[in-house]
Amino acid sequence: MSAESDVPADCAERQQLVDEAVHSGEMEGLHVTAETLADADDYVAGHIDSDTLAERVRERYGLV
């Protein structure tokens, strides 16, 4: 993961970002799938970065 200032420093911060994104989507009437939540878990754990998370979601919905 990059050391850039806009990259979350730890799991707690990444979890907060995911929770906020899921909540925002739900407020707009969207449903976050189990597959996307699993990808988000990989992000929170630090296994993937935010770019990879976004890429996986775009691929899943044919937005590449």
C-alpha atoms as a PDB file:
ATOM      1  CA  MET A   1       0.000   0.000   0.000  1.00  0.00           C
ATOM      2  CA  SER A   2       1.190   3.493  -0.797  1.00  0.00           C
ATOM      3  CA  ALA A   3       2.384   5.926   1.835  1.00  0.00           C
ATOM      4  CA  GLU A   4       0.316   8.754   0.301  1.00  0.00           C
ATOM      5  CA  SER A   5      -1.584  10.909   2.789  1.00  0.00           C
ATOM      6  CA  ASP A   6      -4.989   9.975   1.315  1.00  0.00           C
ATOM      7  CA  VAL A   7      -4.403   6.258   1.906  1.00  0.00           C
ATOM      8  CA  PRO A   8      -5.838   4.967   5.185  1.00  0.00           C
ATOM      9  CA  ALA A   9      -3.173   4.126   7.738  1.00  0.00           C
ATOM     10  CA  ASP A  10      -4.827   1.206   9.484  1.00  0.00           C
ATOM     11  CA  CYS A  11      -7.648  -1.321   9.511  1.00  0.00           C
ATOM     12  CA  ALA A  12      -9.899   0.786  11.736  1.00  0.00           C
ATOM     13  CA  GLU A  13      -9.767   3.697   9.331  1.00  0.00           C
ATOM     14  CA  ARG A  14     -10.358   1.431   6.326  1.00  0.00           C
ATOM     15  CA  GLN A  15     -13.318  -0.177   8.142  1.00  0.00           C
ATOM     16  CA  GLN A  16     -14.795   3.255   8.835  1.00  0.00           C
ATOM     17  CA  LEU A  17     -14.491   4.172   5.156  1.00  0.00           C
ATOM     18  CA  VAL A  18     -16.207   0.926   4.112  1.00  0.00           C
ATOM     19  CA  ASP A  19     -18.977   1.395   6.678  1.00  0.00           C
ATOM     20  CA  GLU A  20     -19.590   4.936   5.447  1.00  0.00           C
ATOM     21  CA  ALA A  21     -19.660   3.814   1.807  1.00  0.00           C
ATOM     22  CA  VAL A  22     -22.094   0.972   2.547  1.00  0.00           C
ATOM     23  CA  HIS A  23     -24.328   3.296   4.569  1.00  0.00           C
ATOM     24  CA  SER A  24     -24.283   5.888   1.811  1.00  0.00           C
ATOM     25  CA  GLY A  25     -25.273   3.286  -0.751  1.00  0.00           C
ATOM     26  CA  GLU A  26     -28.063   1.995   1.451  1.00  0.00           C
ATOM     27  CA  MET A  27     -29.365   5.537   1.923  1.00  0.00           C
ATOM     28  CA  GLU A  28     -29.587   5.744  -1.879  1.00  0.00           C
ATOM     29  CA  GLY A  29     -31.539   2.473  -1.987  1.00  0.00           C
ATOM     30  CA  LEU A  30     -28.664   0.290  -3.138  1.00  0.00           C
ATOM     31  CA  HIS A  31     -27.823  -3.190  -1.881  1.00  0.00           C
ATOM     32  CA  VAL A  32     -24.203  -4.213  -1.339  1.00  0.00           C
ATOM     33  CA  THR A  33     -23.711  -7.828  -2.370  1.00  0.00           C
ATOM     34  CA  ALA A  34     -21.906 -10.482  -0.341  1.00  0.00           C
ATOM     35  CA  GLU A  35     -19.209 -10.554  -3.021  1.00  0.00           C
ATOM     36  CA  THR A  36     -18.583  -6.829  -2.693  1.00  0.00           C
ATOM     37  CA  LEU A  37     -18.547  -7.102   1.106  1.00  0.00           C
ATOM     38  CA  ALA A  38     -15.958  -9.888   0.802  1.00  0.00           C
ATOM     39  CA  ASP A  39     -13.820  -7.611  -1.384  1.00  0.00           C
ATOM     40  CA  ALA A  40     -14.291  -4.841   1.185  1.00  0.00           C
ATOM     41  CA  ASP A  41     -13.079  -7.232   3.888  1.00  0.00           C
ATOM     42  CA  ASP A  42      -9.911  -7.812   1.825  1.00  0.00           C
ATOM     43  CA  TYR A  43      -9.455  -4.036   1.680  1.00  0.00           C
ATOM     44  CA  VAL A  44     -10.019  -3.579   5.411  1.00  0.00           C
ATOM     45  CA  ALA A  45      -7.498  -6.343   6.161  1.00  0.00           C
ATOM     46  CA  GLY A  46      -4.948  -4.596   3.958  1.00  0.00           C
ATOM     47  CA  HIS A  47      -4.769  -7.425   1.403  1.00  0.00           C
ATOM     48  CA  ILE A  48      -5.780  -5.084  -1.426  1.00  0.00           C
ATOM     49  CA  ASP A  49      -5.717  -1.319  -1.897  1.00  0.00           C
ATOM     50  CA  SER A  50      -8.674   0.941  -2.707  1.00  0.00           C
ATOM     51  CA  ASP A  51      -7.846   0.942  -6.427  1.00  0.00           C
ATOM     52  CA  THR A  52      -8.058  -2.853  -6.522  1.00  0.00           C
ATOM     53  CA  LEU A  53     -11.315  -2.796  -4.570  1.00  0.00           C
ATOM     54  CA  ALA A  54     -12.826  -0.335  -7.038  1.00  0.00           C
ATOM     55  CA  GLU A  55     -11.525  -2.365  -9.984  1.00  0.00           C
ATOM     56  CA  ARG A  56     -13.140  -5.558  -8.656  1.00  0.00           C
ATOM     57  CA  VAL A  57     -16.485  -3.813  -8.199  1.00  0.00           C
ATOM     58  CA  ARG A  58     -16.349  -2.253 -11.673  1.00  0.00           C
ATOM     59  CA  GLU A  59     -15.518  -5.639 -13.219  1.00  0.00           C
ATOM     60  CA  ARG A  60     -18.341  -7.323 -11.322  1.00  0.00           C
ATOM     61  CA  TYR A  61     -20.883  -4.914 -12.794  1.00  0.00           C
ATOM     62  CA  GLY A  62     -19.351  -4.609 -16.255  1.00  0.00           C
ATOM     63  CA  LEU A  63     -18.173  -1.042 -15.734  1.00  0.00           C
ATOM     64  CA  VAL A  64     -14.630  -1.575 -16.956  1.00  0.00           C
END
